[in-house]
Protein backbone atom coordinates (compact mmCIF):
# COMPACT_ATOMS: atom_id res chain seq x y z
CA MET A 1 -15.42 -4.83 -0.27
CA PRO A 2 -15.01 -7.00 2.80
CA THR A 3 -14.08 -10.66 2.59
CA PHE A 4 -16.27 -13.27 4.28
CA ASP A 5 -15.64 -16.98 5.01
CA PHE A 6 -18.25 -19.56 4.00
CA SER A 7 -18.54 -23.28 4.56
CA CYS A 8 -20.38 -25.79 2.36
CA GLU A 9 -22.88 -27.94 4.25
CA LYS A 10 -22.49 -30.81 1.78
CA CYS A 11 -18.72 -31.17 1.28
CA SER A 12 -17.46 -29.00 4.21
CA HIS A 13 -15.32 -26.95 1.86
CA VAL A 14 -14.30 -23.57 3.37
CA PHE A 15 -13.90 -20.66 0.95
CA GLU A 16 -13.69 -16.85 0.93
CA ILE A 17 -15.92 -14.48 -1.00
CA SER A 18 -15.73 -10.71 -1.12
CA ARG A 19 -19.13 -9.09 -1.25
CA PRO A 20 -20.77 -5.86 -0.07
CA PHE A 21 -22.21 -5.42 3.40
CA GLY A 22 -25.87 -6.28 3.80
CA LYS A 23 -26.06 -8.86 1.00
CA LYS A 24 -28.26 -11.72 2.32
CA VAL A 25 -27.84 -14.29 -0.51
CA HIS A 26 -25.23 -16.96 0.26
CA PRO A 27 -22.82 -17.91 -2.58
CA VAL A 28 -22.69 -21.30 -4.28
CA CYS A 29 -19.90 -23.67 -3.22
CA PRO A 30 -17.08 -23.46 -5.81
CA SER A 31 -16.05 -27.09 -5.12
CA CYS A 32 -19.34 -29.02 -5.48
CA GLY A 33 -21.87 -26.38 -6.62
CA ASN A 34 -24.12 -26.78 -3.59
CA LYS A 35 -26.39 -23.83 -2.84
CA LYS A 36 -26.47 -24.50 0.93
CA THR A 37 -23.60 -22.65 2.48
CA LYS A 38 -23.26 -20.94 5.83
CA LYS A 39 -21.35 -17.85 6.78
CA LEU A 40 -18.54 -18.40 9.29
CA ILE A 41 -17.63 -16.00 12.01
CA SER A 42 -13.97 -15.14 12.00
CA PRO A 43 -11.93 -12.93 14.35
CA PRO A 44 -10.93 -9.46 13.16
CA LEU A 45 -7.58 -9.06 11.43
CA ILE A 46 -6.59 -6.02 13.51
CA HIS A 47 -5.99 -6.28 17.24
CA PHE A 48 -5.67 -3.04 19.19
CA LYS A 49 -3.35 -3.42 22.13
CA GLY A 50 -2.06 -0.81 24.54
CA SER A 51 -3.43 2.52 25.58
CA GLY A 52 -4.86 5.25 23.37
CA PHE A 53 -7.47 3.23 21.48
CA TYR A 54 -10.47 3.80 23.66
CA LYS A 55 -12.71 6.83 24.00
CA THR A 56 -11.74 7.29 27.60
CA ASP A 57 -8.00 7.35 26.80
CA SER A 58 -8.12 10.52 24.74
CA VAL A 59 -10.35 12.56 27.07
CA ALA A 60 -8.70 14.56 29.83
CA LYS A 61 -9.89 13.58 33.25
CA PRO A 62 -12.01 16.29 34.88
CA VAL A 63 -10.25 17.99 37.77
CA THR A 64 -12.41 18.37 40.80
CA LYS A 65 -11.36 21.23 42.99
CA LYS A 66 -11.83 20.90 46.70
CA PRO A 67 -13.19 24.00 48.38
CA LYS A 68 -10.49 25.90 50.21
CA LYS A 69 -10.78 25.90 53.92
CA GLU A 70 -10.72 29.33 55.44
CA GLU A 71 -7.49 29.94 57.19
CA THR A 72 -8.12 30.26 60.84
CA LYS A 73 -5.63 31.98 63.04
CA THR A 74 -4.87 29.92 66.05
CA GLU A 75 -3.69 31.68 69.10
CA VAL A 76 -0.78 30.04 70.73
CA LYS A 77 -0.97 30.29 74.46
CA THR A 78 2.27 30.04 76.27
CA GLU A 79 2.21 29.10 79.85
CA ALA A 80 4.81 30.44 82.23
CA LYS A 81 7.09 27.69 83.36
CA PRO A 82 7.18 27.34 87.10
CA GLU A 83 10.46 28.49 88.46
CA THR A 84 12.63 25.92 90.01
CA LYS A 85 13.98 26.18 93.53
CA ALA A 86 17.50 26.86 92.27
CA ALA A 87 16.33 29.71 90.06
CA THR A 88 14.44 31.44 92.90
CA GLU A 89 17.44 31.15 95.19
CA LYS A 90 19.65 32.86 92.60
CA LYS A 91 17.18 35.73 92.30
CA GLY A 92 16.88 36.08 96.05
CA ASN A 93 20.63 36.22 96.50
CA ALA A 94 21.06 38.77 93.71
CA VAL A 95 18.79 41.35 95.35
């Protein structure tokens, strides 16, 4: 059974009581016997730190595939380089 903290409204005594979930009746103060007590909210005893504790940590991320682009063949055009004056003179002399 879980343990809950209570505070007495008359003497401000704080005490713990273990009782089942869902029980609506508040316990009597063990110090003064007052029936008016209020339930205190306390932080949880376990603190989860780091990765791996959330639903999104254990699920693999979906891989989205990009559609493949069709390979297009590009024609490479080569332009003839204009001959220089020195190159034309060598050819003219060789003939």
